[in-house]
Structures are given as C-alpha cells and as structure tokens.
Amino acid sequence: MRVLLTTFNSSYIHKNLALRWLYVAKPESIYAEIKEFTIKDKVSNVIDYINLNNFDVVAISTYIWNVKETKALINEIEKLKKNIKVILGGPEVTYENDEWFDLAIDGIVLGEGERSIWEFLLDNDDTFVKVKANEFKQIRKEDPKYLEGLPSPYNLEIDQASMENQYLYLEASRGCPFRCSYCLSSLDNQVRFFSFEYLESVFEEVKGHKINQVKFLDRTFNASKERTKKLYALLEKYDNIDSFQVEIVADRLSEDLIEMIIAPENRHRFRYEVGIQSFNQQTLKSVDRIQDNQRVKEVMSILLKNDVVIHADLIAGLPYEGLTSFRDSFNQLASIYPTELQLGILKLLKGTKMKREALEMGFLASSDAPYEVYRTPWLEKSEMDYINIVAKGVDRTINRNLFQQTIKWLSAVVYDNDLFLLFYDLGLIFEKIGISYQKYDLFMMVYNQYKDQVDSDLFITYLNLDYFKNEKQKPKLLFKESLVRELNRNIVFNGYFSQETVYGYSRVFKDYRKPDACIFVLFNQNQDPADLYAIDFKEDLCQKISS
C-alpha cells in the first residue's frame, strides 16, 4: 500500500506538523510519503505527482484556508478512475462534515489521527473514522505518552534542507484550559502536556540546525506557571534558534513570569500572541471568556515598554458589541500600541458553540470558508464594511512598521486620540492607492491628506523619521531640505561624524521638535537598515535612536 500524506499550506514558509505525526506513526508494512503543496499551486501539479508515484491512498489534511483546493483535488482524483482511496482529516472536516460525503471520499478521520488512519487502512477499523453521512463517531484524543514513544516528527529527512527557511511548529501540549465559544480549541479543553524531558530531547535533536523561528502550537503557553518557567530556562540554552512565538493569556502572567519575559536574554527572542478579542465585559461573558481588562492593559504596557514584541487580536462581530462598543475596545487596545494589531472578523467555525448560538440570534455569515460574519443584531453590514477599512489601515501601517511616530502624533493633534477614526482615514488612503505603490507615493498621499490641518514643519519631521526608518539605501527624498549644507557643516564642526562620513552615504533633515536639532541618517555598505541619530546642537548631544 502506497499512501500520500498531503495538504495545501497557506504559503511555503509553513509546514504541516499533523502530517509528520501521521508519518512517524505509520506501521512498517506501509509505504507513506509526505508531499506538501501551497494554495497557490495548481491542482494539476498534485494530480501529476499522484499519477507519477502510483499512490493507492491520498490522505489530505484539511483546514479553513484550503477547502476550495481540497475539494478540487478530490474531484480530479475521481476523474482518474484508478480506485484511489481518499481520506480526509483536520479541524475543517472533524465537525459538521456530512457535505463532504457528496464528494468521492472514503472516510474522515475524526480528531487526532496518529493511530486511527492506519487502523482504518490496515484493519478496516472505523471506530474513529466516519465513512458515510449522518453517522456519529467518537473524536479521538491521543495520550502524549504514546506520541513520545514514536520517532520524532521534528527532524525528518524531508525537512533537513529547508529547516532554516521554514517555521518549526512544535507542540508542548494539546488542548486548551479555556472555553471561548468562538474557538475550535474550546472543543478540546483537556490540556495534555508533553513531558519536559521529551521537549528537551526535541531541542537537542535539532540543535545542529539554524532555525529562524519555533512556533509553539500550544493554545496557552502560560497554562502552568512552573512549567513555563522551566521552558524559558530550557530555551535559553539553544542559540541556534533566533526566535520563538508563543500564545499567552496576559492577565494570568505572574510578576516573576513578567520578569523572565522582559529579561535581556528573553525580550528579543520571543514574540507573543495575546488574544484580547474585546474589552466589553458583557460581550466577553457571552462567549464564555473571563478577562481582567485592567490587568491585561497593565501587563501589555509593561512588556511593550521593555521592547517585547506583542501581536494582539481583536474580533469584530461578537455578541453585544455594536460599532460604538467595538470602537471603544479598539481604542483601548490601540492606545497601548502593540507591535502588531490584528483586527479580525468573527468566523462561525463548524462545531463551535458560537456558531449554534449566533445562527439562533440572527447572525448572517458566509456559508463558504472562512465563514466570516457580515451582519449581527448589533452591527449592520455597512458598519462591518467600515471596520474592514479600519483593519486595512492598521494592517498596512503599524503591522508593516510604517508611520509609527506619525500615527502617535496625528492621533494627539488631529483626532483627540481616537485611533479608530485615524485608522479609518488611513484605510481610505489605501483604498485609493490600491495594491501596488511606491513608499514615496504613499508617504506623499498621507502628507497631502493632513498638511493643511497641522504644523507643517513638525509633520515633515515625523514623516521623515518614519520614512527613513528601516531603509537600507538612500530613498528618494520626501522633501527638499534647504539647510542640508549648514547642518552637515555643524555635524562635522562639532565632531559628531567625520567629513568623509557626512558627505558619503548619509541624509540629514531638520528636527523641528527642538530649536537647534537635526536627524542624521547613516547608511552602510552591508545593506543593513540605516542608523538614525538625533543631534541637538544646543545641548551638544548625539544619540542613536533607531537602526
């Protein structure tokens, strides 16, 4: 029996850990092969691969982002008329899956399939495999002790060459301790931990590889305080890994854990996902979510002040949250200025309590993946469209490290700190400019939008600060600087930089925030981001502010 374990990932940088677990759990008598594609690949490429290698079984890992591609592949396999078995698995097909049996499939593995798929293929044991519509079967959960006894899925031969160029997804636990009704993880609220010794063996196994980022799949990295502290101590040992991404519950962080997070050896190696979703307590209660709003904001503020990277989430479309309430939630979160802010629209995911209740309440959502809500009893479609424009303004600016200084300044001097309205107006600019544009053109559009409402000199200073940040080579100037010669002479005269440096690969512009100051931008031959220096001639100070 020849089995193809496959999926359509959202992009090349991602890889599917579930397929790797299936692979290491296979019996010796079965030949299995992992071959991953992306949603940009042609389905015909997959068919060609199946034909070329004469597979008897095609097992497809199915998610919300690859439903269309998976269905297309199933239809094309049927056209081959080769009696190839098609098995599905994954969160998208575990719940409310009867419609999939309208296609030419042979079964759906329910839950964690490390054993179930092989029991089904070898012994026709369908205890945890649904083989027809309107059939009830149990959803399987595996014991980590069993999984720890399998060969490791984290350092397979197929991954050796790409280890540095793809994320390494890792499970330290399965399940989630919380029951947020909109989330699939709420359907598995029994947390099962992999042993600390096993995790240490995984990191030892991959320490010979350069890895850009390890992404922990745990729904709550800080579910156990003492275990989390041990993990921090363990991860410090592996300098072959540039960074780690984990999901945390901010209001559950103890003071000693906060100290560990902001410690110099940790603060720049970790990226934290923090799901806020809403600050409306009635909304939070309605989705079975308990959150200390004040504590969340306090903890996030402490972490951000210490340069910790935080990706924060809000969800639009939750119960009891109209536009006014959502605007307030957004402004509370945005005013903390997380490193990234994801403004998502509620998805009515199959199997969730939220989907059942929302449909009873009168929510309207797309029947196709990703099942986004477009109207609720509290939000009209036009208001949802408004929020989507705000989301575009956020995603194209702070989430891409653009306009950070300018946004804070405009928020104070133009919008009375209403960031929701500010990002809406920025979103409208992106609606006009489209997808393809030059950075210079974008900055000039923002300048033209506000130049008559603000102090022009100060505005130009903030735009320049943002424009030159992270630039690797001299860009086209936004504004002609009439004082260039005078500023450069003063920089050399005061001994801040040599004449060769000043008149070489650099830019300078007046800093109107102070009476006698400038910003000096120093580029380099290595194509690294430029260094920015704030120079105050009156105070005789030269300080590096960005690189």
Protein backbone atom coordinates (compact mmCIF):
# COMPACT_ATOMS: atom_id res chain seq x y z
CA MET A 1 0.00 0.00 0.00
CA ARG A 2 1.36 3.38 -1.06
CA VAL A 3 0.00 6.36 0.88
CA LEU A 4 0.43 10.05 0.07
CA LEU A 5 0.12 12.38 3.06
CA THR A 6 -0.56 15.81 1.65
CA THR A 7 -2.09 19.23 2.19
CA PHE A 8 -2.26 22.75 0.78
CA ASN A 9 -0.39 25.09 3.12
CA SER A 10 -1.10 28.82 3.02
CA SER A 11 2.50 29.53 1.95
CA TYR A 12 5.88 27.84 1.62
CA ILE A 13 7.22 29.06 4.96
CA HIS A 14 4.61 26.95 6.78
CA LYS A 15 4.73 23.19 7.14
CA ASN A 16 2.16 20.75 8.43
CA LEU A 17 3.07 19.07 11.72
CA ALA A 18 -0.02 16.84 11.67
CA LEU A 19 1.20 15.04 8.54
CA ARG A 20 4.55 14.45 10.19
CA TRP A 21 2.90 12.86 13.21
CA LEU A 22 0.93 10.55 10.91
CA TYR A 23 4.12 9.65 9.09
CA VAL A 24 6.11 8.68 12.19
CA ALA A 25 3.14 6.64 13.49
CA LYS A 26 2.77 4.51 10.35
CA PRO A 27 3.28 0.73 10.51
CA GLU A 28 6.43 -0.60 8.84
CA SER A 29 4.35 -2.55 6.34
CA ILE A 30 3.01 0.65 4.75
CA TYR A 31 4.89 2.94 2.41
CA ALA A 32 3.96 6.56 3.10
CA GLU A 33 5.31 9.81 1.78
CA ILE A 34 4.76 13.44 2.75
CA LYS A 35 4.38 15.92 -0.08
CA GLU A 36 3.11 19.41 0.71
CA PHE A 37 1.75 22.00 -1.68
CA THR A 38 0.55 25.57 -1.21
CA ILE A 39 -2.78 27.12 -2.10
CA LYS A 40 -1.00 28.85 -4.98
CA ASP A 41 -0.05 25.52 -6.59
CA LYS A 42 -2.14 24.16 -9.42
CA VAL A 43 -4.23 21.13 -8.52
CA SER A 44 -2.98 19.57 -11.75
CA ASN A 45 0.52 19.52 -10.20
CA VAL A 46 -0.77 17.36 -7.36
CA ILE A 47 -2.54 15.04 -9.79
CA ASP A 48 0.65 14.67 -11.81
CA TYR A 49 2.51 13.73 -8.63
CA ILE A 50 -0.12 11.15 -7.68
CA ASN A 51 -0.02 9.62 -11.16
CA LEU A 52 3.75 9.55 -11.32
CA ASN A 53 4.08 7.74 -7.99
CA ASN A 54 1.09 5.35 -8.22
CA PHE A 55 -0.40 6.06 -4.81
CA ASP A 56 -3.21 3.83 -3.55
CA VAL A 57 -4.33 6.27 -0.85
CA VAL A 58 -4.32 10.06 -0.70
CA ALA A 59 -4.76 11.49 2.81
CA ILE A 60 -5.45 15.24 2.85
CA SER A 61 -5.03 17.49 5.87
CA THR A 62 -7.92 19.94 5.61
CA TYR A 63 -8.16 23.44 7.07
CA ILE A 64 -10.26 26.54 6.71
CA TRP A 65 -7.79 28.06 4.24
CA ASN A 66 -7.60 25.11 1.84
CA VAL A 67 -11.21 23.95 1.49
CA LYS A 68 -11.51 25.02 -2.14
CA GLU A 69 -8.24 23.38 -3.17
CA THR A 70 -9.05 20.17 -1.28
CA LYS A 71 -12.44 19.81 -2.95
CA ALA A 72 -10.91 20.46 -6.36
CA LEU A 73 -8.28 17.80 -5.74
CA ILE A 74 -10.88 15.23 -4.69
CA ASN A 75 -12.83 15.85 -7.89
CA GLU A 76 -9.72 15.47 -10.03
CA ILE A 77 -8.73 12.24 -8.28
CA GLU A 78 -12.18 10.83 -9.04
CA LYS A 79 -11.66 11.58 -12.74
CA LEU A 80 -8.56 9.37 -12.76
CA LYS A 81 -10.79 6.30 -12.23
CA LYS A 82 -7.91 4.48 -10.52
CA ASN A 83 -9.79 3.40 -7.40
CA ILE A 84 -7.61 5.62 -5.21
CA LYS A 85 -8.86 5.91 -1.65
CA VAL A 86 -9.27 9.46 -0.37
CA ILE A 87 -9.09 10.06 3.38
CA LEU A 88 -9.62 13.46 4.99
CA GLY A 89 -8.61 14.76 8.38
CA GLY A 90 -8.11 18.06 10.17
CA PRO A 91 -10.21 20.64 12.02
CA GLU A 92 -12.23 21.69 8.97
CA VAL A 93 -13.71 18.20 8.47
CA THR A 94 -13.95 16.93 12.05
CA TYR A 95 -17.26 18.71 12.73
CA GLU A 96 -20.37 19.22 10.59
CA ASN A 97 -18.87 17.18 7.80
CA ASP A 98 -21.80 15.45 6.07
CA GLU A 99 -21.47 17.64 2.95
CA TRP A 100 -18.03 16.17 2.28
CA PHE A 101 -19.63 12.80 1.55
CA ASP A 102 -21.19 14.33 -1.55
CA LEU A 103 -17.64 14.05 -2.90
CA ALA A 104 -15.72 10.88 -3.72
CA ILE A 105 -14.12 10.27 -0.34
CA ASP A 106 -13.69 7.05 1.62
CA GLY A 107 -13.54 8.38 5.14
CA ILE A 108 -12.89 11.25 7.53
CA VAL A 109 -10.51 10.74 10.43
CA LEU A 110 -12.08 12.39 13.47
CA GLY A 111 -9.73 14.12 15.87
CA GLU A 112 -6.12 13.14 16.33
CA GLY A 113 -5.35 10.53 13.71
CA GLU A 114 -1.91 9.14 14.54
CA ARG A 115 -3.40 5.68 15.08
CA SER A 116 -6.86 5.98 13.57
CA ILE A 117 -5.84 6.37 9.93
CA TRP A 118 -3.58 3.31 9.95
CA GLU A 119 -6.11 1.18 11.86
CA PHE A 120 -8.65 2.08 9.20
CA LEU A 121 -6.39 1.38 6.23
CA LEU A 122 -4.94 -1.89 7.57
CA ASP A 123 -7.80 -3.43 9.51
CA ASN A 124 -10.84 -1.51 8.29
CA ASP A 125 -11.31 -0.33 11.89
CA ASP A 126 -13.54 2.73 11.58
CA THR A 127 -14.06 3.41 15.29
CA PHE A 128 -12.72 6.95 14.85
CA VAL A 129 -13.27 7.27 11.10
CA LYS A 130 -16.56 8.44 9.64
CA VAL A 131 -17.35 6.60 6.40
CA LYS A 132 -20.78 7.97 5.49
CA ALA A 133 -23.03 10.95 6.14
CA ASN A 134 -25.33 11.12 9.17
CA GLU A 135 -23.09 8.78 11.12
CA PHE A 136 -21.94 9.51 14.67
CA LYS A 137 -18.41 8.56 15.64
CA GLN A 138 -16.16 9.49 18.55
CA ILE A 139 -13.47 12.13 18.21
CA ARG A 140 -10.12 10.74 19.26
CA LYS A 141 -7.59 12.34 21.58
CA GLU A 142 -4.14 10.85 21.94
CA ASP A 143 -2.09 10.49 25.09
CA PRO A 144 1.21 12.40 24.79
CA LYS A 145 2.94 9.41 26.39
CA TYR A 146 2.06 7.36 23.31
CA LEU A 147 3.24 10.14 20.99
CA GLU A 148 6.53 10.47 22.88
CA GLY A 149 7.21 6.82 22.10
CA LEU A 150 7.09 7.45 18.35
CA PRO A 151 10.04 8.57 16.25
CA SER A 152 10.35 12.35 16.37
CA PRO A 153 8.39 14.28 13.71
CA TYR A 154 10.58 17.36 14.15
CA ASN A 155 13.71 16.42 12.26
CA LEU A 156 12.63 14.27 9.33
CA GLU A 157 14.88 13.80 6.34
CA ILE A 158 12.48 15.76 4.12
CA ASP A 159 12.94 18.81 6.36
CA GLN A 160 16.71 18.85 6.60
CA ALA A 161 17.41 21.17 3.68
CA SER A 162 14.63 23.67 4.49
CA MET A 163 14.94 23.89 8.27
CA GLU A 164 16.31 27.45 8.15
CA ASN A 165 13.71 28.69 5.67
CA GLN A 166 10.53 27.35 7.26
CA TYR A 167 8.90 27.70 10.65
CA LEU A 168 9.40 24.81 13.04
CA TYR A 169 5.99 24.10 14.56
CA LEU A 170 6.16 22.42 17.94
CA GLU A 171 3.65 21.09 20.46
CA ALA A 172 4.43 21.32 24.15
CA SER A 173 0.81 20.45 24.91
CA ARG A 174 -2.52 19.68 23.31
CA GLY A 175 -5.88 21.07 24.36
CA CYS A 176 -6.85 24.40 25.92
CA PRO A 177 -7.86 25.21 29.50
CA PHE A 178 -10.44 27.78 28.34
CA ARG A 179 -13.83 27.50 26.64
CA CYS A 180 -14.14 30.57 24.43
CA SER A 181 -17.24 29.71 22.43
CA TYR A 182 -15.99 31.04 19.07
CA CYS A 183 -12.81 28.94 19.11
CA LEU A 184 -12.28 25.36 17.94
CA SER A 185 -9.87 24.82 20.82
CA SER A 186 -12.82 25.10 23.20
CA LEU A 187 -13.91 21.67 21.95
CA ASP A 188 -10.78 20.15 23.47
CA ASN A 189 -10.47 21.65 26.95
CA GLN A 190 -8.46 18.81 28.43
CA VAL A 191 -4.86 20.04 28.48
CA ARG A 192 -2.37 17.22 27.87
CA PHE A 193 1.29 18.08 28.38
CA PHE A 194 4.27 16.54 26.68
CA SER A 195 6.92 15.74 29.27
CA PHE A 196 9.68 18.24 29.87
CA GLU A 197 12.25 15.52 29.12
CA TYR A 198 10.66 14.89 25.73
CA LEU A 199 10.73 18.58 24.82
CA GLU A 200 14.37 18.80 25.83
CA SER A 201 15.13 15.84 23.57
CA VAL A 202 13.43 17.62 20.65
CA PHE A 203 15.58 20.72 21.04
CA GLU A 204 18.69 18.59 21.40
CA GLU A 205 17.71 16.80 18.20
CA VAL A 206 17.50 19.99 16.13
CA LYS A 207 20.32 21.97 17.74
CA GLY A 208 22.56 21.29 14.76
CA HIS A 209 20.25 23.30 12.51
CA LYS A 210 19.93 27.05 12.15
CA ILE A 211 16.24 27.82 12.81
CA ASN A 212 14.71 31.25 12.33
CA GLN A 213 11.59 30.69 14.41
CA VAL A 214 9.96 27.98 16.50
CA LYS A 215 6.20 28.43 16.70
CA PHE A 216 4.59 26.75 19.69
CA LEU A 217 1.12 25.46 18.81
CA ASP A 218 0.00 25.48 22.45
CA ARG A 219 -3.19 27.45 22.92
CA THR A 220 -1.88 28.86 26.22
CA PHE A 221 1.87 28.82 26.75
CA ASN A 222 1.50 30.00 30.36
CA ALA A 223 -1.19 27.48 31.33
CA SER A 224 1.17 26.17 34.03
CA LYS A 225 3.35 28.78 35.72
CA GLU A 226 6.11 26.47 36.97
CA ARG A 227 6.27 24.59 33.68
CA THR A 228 6.52 27.87 31.76
CA LYS A 229 9.45 28.99 33.91
CA LYS A 230 11.22 25.69 33.22
CA LEU A 231 10.62 26.11 29.49
CA TYR A 232 12.17 29.59 29.49
CA ALA A 233 15.23 28.19 31.23
CA LEU A 234 15.42 25.37 28.68
CA LEU A 235 15.03 27.56 25.60
CA GLU A 236 17.82 29.90 26.71
CA LYS A 237 20.29 27.08 26.00
CA TYR A 238 19.63 26.88 22.26
CA ASP A 239 21.27 29.74 20.41
CA ASN A 240 20.74 28.01 17.06
CA ILE A 241 17.15 29.31 17.24
CA ASP A 242 16.65 33.01 16.52
CA SER A 243 13.16 33.40 17.97
CA PHE A 244 10.13 31.70 19.49
CA GLN A 245 6.45 32.51 19.05
CA VAL A 246 4.00 31.62 21.81
CA GLU A 247 0.41 32.43 22.73
CA ILE A 248 -0.15 33.76 26.25
CA VAL A 249 -3.02 34.90 28.45
CA ALA A 250 -1.77 38.29 29.62
CA ASP A 251 -3.85 38.70 32.78
CA ARG A 252 -2.61 35.32 34.05
CA LEU A 253 1.06 36.34 33.97
CA SER A 254 2.59 36.46 37.44
CA GLU A 255 5.17 39.08 38.37
CA ASP A 256 8.03 36.58 38.28
CA LEU A 257 6.99 35.41 34.79
CA ILE A 258 6.88 39.03 33.64
CA GLU A 259 10.42 39.45 34.95
CA MET A 260 11.51 36.43 32.93
CA ILE A 261 9.83 37.77 29.78
CA ILE A 262 11.49 41.18 29.99
CA ALA A 263 14.90 39.78 30.97
CA PRO A 264 17.57 40.86 28.44
CA GLU A 265 18.19 37.28 27.31
CA ASN A 266 14.48 36.75 26.51
CA ARG A 267 12.88 40.03 25.47
CA HIS A 268 14.07 39.99 21.86
CA ARG A 269 13.87 36.23 21.29
CA PHE A 270 10.16 35.82 21.94
CA ARG A 271 7.11 37.02 20.06
CA TYR A 272 3.85 36.86 22.00
CA GLU A 273 0.33 36.45 20.67
CA VAL A 274 -2.23 37.95 23.03
CA GLY A 275 -5.90 37.41 22.26
CA ILE A 276 -7.91 40.32 23.67
CA GLN A 277 -10.98 39.99 21.40
CA SER A 278 -12.98 42.66 23.27
CA PHE A 279 -12.98 44.91 26.33
CA ASN A 280 -16.78 44.76 26.62
CA GLN A 281 -17.48 42.61 29.68
CA GLN A 282 -20.99 41.66 28.54
CA THR A 283 -19.50 40.51 25.25
CA LEU A 284 -16.76 38.53 26.97
CA LYS A 285 -19.24 36.84 29.27
CA SER A 286 -21.46 35.89 26.33
CA VAL A 287 -18.60 33.97 24.70
CA ASP A 288 -17.52 32.26 27.94
CA ARG A 289 -14.38 34.33 28.24
CA ILE A 290 -13.06 35.64 31.56
CA GLN A 291 -10.67 38.57 31.32
CA ASP A 292 -9.35 41.16 33.75
CA ASN A 293 -9.24 44.11 31.36
CA GLN A 294 -7.23 46.40 33.60
CA ARG A 295 -4.64 43.73 34.31
CA VAL A 296 -4.35 42.92 30.58
CA LYS A 297 -3.55 46.55 29.78
CA GLU A 298 -1.11 46.86 32.67
CA VAL A 299 0.81 43.72 31.66
CA MET A 300 0.90 44.61 27.97
CA SER A 301 2.14 48.12 28.78
CA ILE A 302 4.97 46.73 30.91
CA LEU A 303 6.03 44.29 28.20
CA LEU A 304 5.88 46.86 25.41
CA LYS A 305 7.89 49.41 27.39
CA ASN A 306 10.59 46.75 27.58
CA ASP A 307 10.63 46.21 23.79
CA VAL A 308 8.80 42.87 23.94
CA VAL A 309 7.08 42.01 20.65
CA ILE A 310 3.32 41.60 21.06
CA HIS A 311 0.81 40.60 18.39
CA ALA A 312 -2.63 41.45 19.81
CA ASP A 313 -6.01 40.32 18.46
CA LEU A 314 -9.47 41.87 18.43
CA ILE A 315 -12.58 40.26 16.96
CA ALA A 316 -15.34 42.33 15.38
CA GLY A 317 -18.83 40.86 15.32
CA LEU A 318 -19.06 39.27 18.75
CA PRO A 319 -22.41 39.36 20.61
CA TYR A 320 -23.48 42.61 22.27
CA GLU A 321 -20.73 44.59 20.56
CA GLY A 322 -22.04 47.33 18.29
CA LEU A 323 -19.91 49.87 16.46
CA THR A 324 -19.63 52.23 19.45
CA SER A 325 -18.56 49.43 21.78
CA PHE A 326 -16.12 47.98 19.26
CA ARG A 327 -14.66 51.42 18.67
CA ASP A 328 -14.05 51.71 22.41
CA SER A 329 -12.43 48.24 22.55
CA PHE A 330 -10.23 49.13 19.61
CA ASN A 331 -9.13 52.46 21.07
CA GLN A 332 -8.29 50.89 24.43
CA LEU A 333 -6.07 48.31 22.75
CA ALA A 334 -4.60 50.50 20.00
CA SER A 335 -3.63 53.21 22.51
CA ILE A 336 -1.22 50.72 24.10
CA TYR A 337 0.44 50.44 20.67
CA PRO A 338 1.08 46.69 20.44
CA THR A 339 3.78 45.75 17.94
CA GLU A 340 1.09 44.28 15.69
CA LEU A 341 -2.67 44.52 15.95
CA GLN A 342 -4.85 42.04 14.11
CA LEU A 343 -8.40 43.19 13.68
CA GLY A 344 -10.31 40.08 12.64
CA ILE A 345 -13.92 39.43 11.76
CA LEU A 346 -15.80 36.75 13.70
CA LYS A 347 -15.84 33.40 11.93
CA LEU A 348 -18.64 30.94 12.68
CA LEU A 349 -16.49 27.84 12.81
CA LYS A 350 -18.03 24.41 12.46
CA GLY A 351 -18.72 22.64 15.73
CA THR A 352 -18.40 25.69 17.96
CA LYS A 353 -20.98 26.84 20.46
CA MET A 354 -20.70 30.31 18.94
CA LYS A 355 -21.95 29.09 15.58
CA ARG A 356 -25.00 27.42 17.09
CA GLU A 357 -25.91 30.43 19.21
CA ALA A 358 -25.13 33.02 16.54
CA LEU A 359 -27.43 31.48 13.98
CA GLU A 360 -30.21 31.40 16.59
CA MET A 361 -29.56 35.09 17.37
CA GLY A 362 -29.81 36.12 13.73
CA PHE A 363 -26.17 36.49 12.71
CA LEU A 364 -25.51 36.37 8.98
CA ALA A 365 -22.29 34.78 7.76
CA SER A 366 -20.80 33.36 4.59
CA SER A 367 -21.63 29.70 4.04
CA ASP A 368 -18.20 29.21 2.49
CA ALA A 369 -14.85 29.17 4.26
CA PRO A 370 -13.70 31.16 6.16
CA TYR A 371 -17.34 31.65 7.31
CA GLU A 372 -16.96 35.32 8.23
CA VAL A 373 -19.88 37.16 9.75
CA TYR A 374 -21.12 40.12 7.71
CA ARG A 375 -24.06 41.19 9.88
CA THR A 376 -25.09 40.76 13.51
CA PRO A 377 -28.00 42.03 15.62
CA TRP A 378 -25.59 44.74 16.82
CA LEU A 379 -23.65 45.52 13.62
CA GLU A 380 -25.07 46.39 10.23
CA LYS A 381 -23.22 45.28 7.11
CA SER A 382 -22.23 48.88 6.40
CA GLU A 383 -20.65 49.09 9.86
CA MET A 384 -18.78 45.84 9.25
CA ASP A 385 -17.50 47.34 5.99
CA TYR A 386 -16.36 50.38 7.98
CA ILE A 387 -14.44 48.11 10.37
CA ASN A 388 -12.80 46.34 7.43
CA ILE A 389 -11.44 49.68 6.23
CA VAL A 390 -10.06 50.33 9.72
CA ALA A 391 -8.43 46.89 9.58
CA LYS A 392 -6.81 47.77 6.27
CA GLY A 393 -5.44 50.98 7.76
CA VAL A 394 -3.93 49.03 10.67
CA ASP A 395 -2.52 46.20 8.59
CA ARG A 396 -0.83 48.46 6.04
CA THR A 397 0.76 50.75 8.63
CA ILE A 398 1.74 49.62 12.13
CA ASN A 399 1.67 45.93 11.17
CA ARG A 400 4.25 46.74 8.50
CA ASN A 401 6.29 49.01 10.73
CA LEU A 402 5.19 52.16 8.89
CA PHE A 403 4.13 55.60 10.20
CA GLN A 404 4.66 54.64 13.83
CA GLN A 405 5.78 58.10 15.00
CA THR A 406 3.44 59.91 12.64
CA ILE A 407 0.39 57.97 13.84
CA LYS A 408 1.04 58.77 17.50
CA TRP A 409 1.46 62.45 16.68
CA LEU A 410 -1.58 62.68 14.39
CA SER A 411 -3.69 60.86 16.96
CA ALA A 412 -2.93 63.56 19.52
CA VAL A 413 -3.09 66.70 17.36
CA VAL A 414 -5.86 65.82 14.88
CA TYR A 415 -8.02 63.02 16.27
CA ASP A 416 -8.19 63.69 20.01
CA ASN A 417 -6.70 60.17 20.45
CA ASP A 418 -9.49 58.46 18.50
CA LEU A 419 -7.28 55.91 16.76
CA PHE A 420 -10.29 54.11 15.32
CA LEU A 421 -11.14 57.15 13.20
CA LEU A 422 -7.48 57.74 12.34
CA PHE A 423 -7.02 54.21 11.00
CA TYR A 424 -10.28 54.51 9.09
CA ASP A 425 -8.95 57.58 7.29
CA LEU A 426 -5.65 55.80 6.62
CA GLY A 427 -7.61 52.82 5.34
CA LEU A 428 -9.37 55.10 2.85
CA ILE A 429 -5.96 56.19 1.56
CA PHE A 430 -5.08 52.55 0.92
CA GLU A 431 -8.43 52.03 -0.79
CA LYS A 432 -7.42 54.80 -3.21
CA ILE A 433 -3.80 53.82 -3.74
CA GLY A 434 -4.52 50.14 -4.41
CA ILE A 435 -2.11 47.23 -4.01
CA SER A 436 0.96 48.29 -5.99
CA TYR A 437 2.56 51.56 -4.92
CA GLN A 438 5.90 53.07 -4.05
CA LYS A 439 6.72 54.01 -0.47
CA TYR A 440 7.38 57.60 -1.58
CA ASP A 441 3.90 57.89 -3.14
CA LEU A 442 2.24 56.54 -0.02
CA PHE A 443 4.02 58.99 2.26
CA MET A 444 3.14 61.90 -0.01
CA MET A 445 -0.52 60.87 0.00
CA VAL A 446 -0.50 60.93 3.79
CA TYR A 447 1.25 64.30 3.75
CA ASN A 448 -1.29 65.80 1.36
CA GLN A 449 -4.15 64.42 3.46
CA TYR A 450 -3.11 66.30 6.61
CA LYS A 451 -0.77 69.15 5.62
CA ASP A 452 -3.45 71.83 5.99
CA GLN A 453 -4.57 70.60 9.41
CA VAL A 454 -1.27 70.55 11.28
CA ASP A 455 2.04 72.32 11.85
CA SER A 456 3.78 71.56 8.56
CA ASP A 457 7.34 71.57 9.93
CA LEU A 458 6.54 69.16 12.74
CA PHE A 459 4.55 66.94 10.37
CA ILE A 460 7.50 66.75 7.99
CA THR A 461 9.79 65.80 10.88
CA TYR A 462 7.61 62.86 11.91
CA LEU A 463 7.13 61.71 8.33
CA ASN A 464 10.89 61.81 7.74
CA LEU A 465 11.56 59.83 10.92
CA ASP A 466 9.20 57.10 9.72
CA TYR A 467 10.30 57.30 6.10
CA PHE A 468 13.98 56.66 6.75
CA LYS A 469 13.49 54.04 9.46
CA ASN A 470 14.49 50.57 8.23
CA GLU A 471 15.67 51.92 4.86
CA LYS A 472 18.70 50.03 3.55
CA GLN A 473 19.73 52.50 0.88
CA LYS A 474 19.12 56.15 0.11
CA PRO A 475 15.49 56.57 -0.93
CA LYS A 476 14.03 59.39 -2.94
CA LEU A 477 13.70 62.45 -0.69
CA LEU A 478 10.22 63.32 0.52
CA PHE A 479 11.03 66.99 0.96
CA LYS A 480 13.90 69.19 -0.13
CA GLU A 481 15.97 70.16 2.91
CA SER A 482 17.16 73.75 2.49
CA LEU A 483 19.53 73.53 5.47
CA VAL A 484 21.49 70.45 4.37
CA ARG A 485 24.82 72.22 3.92
CA GLU A 486 24.57 74.12 7.19
CA LEU A 487 23.54 71.01 9.14
CA ASN A 488 26.32 68.90 7.65
CA ARG A 489 28.92 71.59 8.43
CA ASN A 490 27.74 71.75 12.04
CA ILE A 491 27.86 67.94 12.37
CA VAL A 492 31.48 67.87 11.19
CA PHE A 493 32.47 71.00 13.15
CA ASN A 494 31.12 69.54 16.40
CA GLY A 495 32.92 66.25 15.79
CA TYR A 496 29.85 64.02 15.73
CA PHE A 497 30.87 62.41 12.43
CA SER A 498 33.81 62.76 10.06
CA GLN A 499 33.59 64.78 6.87
CA GLU A 500 34.00 61.57 4.86
CA THR A 501 31.01 60.00 6.62
CA VAL A 502 28.80 63.07 6.41
CA TYR A 503 29.38 63.67 2.73
CA GLY A 504 29.27 59.98 1.88
CA TYR A 505 26.32 57.70 2.35
CA SER A 506 24.02 59.76 4.55
CA ARG A 507 20.99 62.03 4.74
CA VAL A 508 20.18 64.80 7.15
CA PHE A 509 17.00 66.72 7.91
CA LYS A 510 15.95 69.40 10.39
CA ASP A 511 14.28 68.20 13.57
CA TYR A 512 11.63 70.83 14.28
CA ARG A 513 10.76 69.32 17.67
CA LYS A 514 13.71 71.29 19.10
CA PRO A 515 15.06 74.76 18.25
CA ASP A 516 18.53 73.69 17.06
CA ALA A 517 18.45 70.00 16.16
CA CYS A 518 18.54 67.56 13.26
CA ILE A 519 18.25 63.87 12.40
CA PHE A 520 21.28 62.28 10.77
CA VAL A 521 20.64 59.11 8.72
CA LEU A 522 23.67 56.90 8.17
CA PHE A 523 23.52 54.14 5.55
CA ASN A 524 26.03 51.31 5.21
CA GLN A 525 27.58 49.10 2.56
CA ASN A 526 26.11 45.89 4.03
CA GLN A 527 22.55 46.85 3.07
CA ASP A 528 21.52 46.71 6.73
CA PRO A 529 18.85 49.16 7.93
CA ALA A 530 20.17 52.70 8.31
CA ASP A 531 21.11 54.12 11.70
CA LEU A 532 19.26 57.26 12.77
CA TYR A 533 20.88 59.75 15.15
CA ALA A 534 19.16 62.62 16.95
CA ILE A 535 21.58 65.55 17.16
CA ASP A 536 20.91 68.52 19.44
CA PHE A 537 23.49 71.24 18.74
CA LYS A 538 22.34 73.43 21.61
CA GLU A 539 22.73 70.64 24.20
CA ASP A 540 25.74 69.15 22.39
CA LEU A 541 24.13 65.70 22.20
CA CYS A 542 24.27 62.99 19.53
CA GLN A 543 22.16 59.94 20.32
CA LYS A 544 21.37 56.87 18.23
CA ILE A 545 17.60 56.45 18.08
CA SER A 546 16.99 53.70 15.52
CA SER A 547 18.67 51.03 13.43
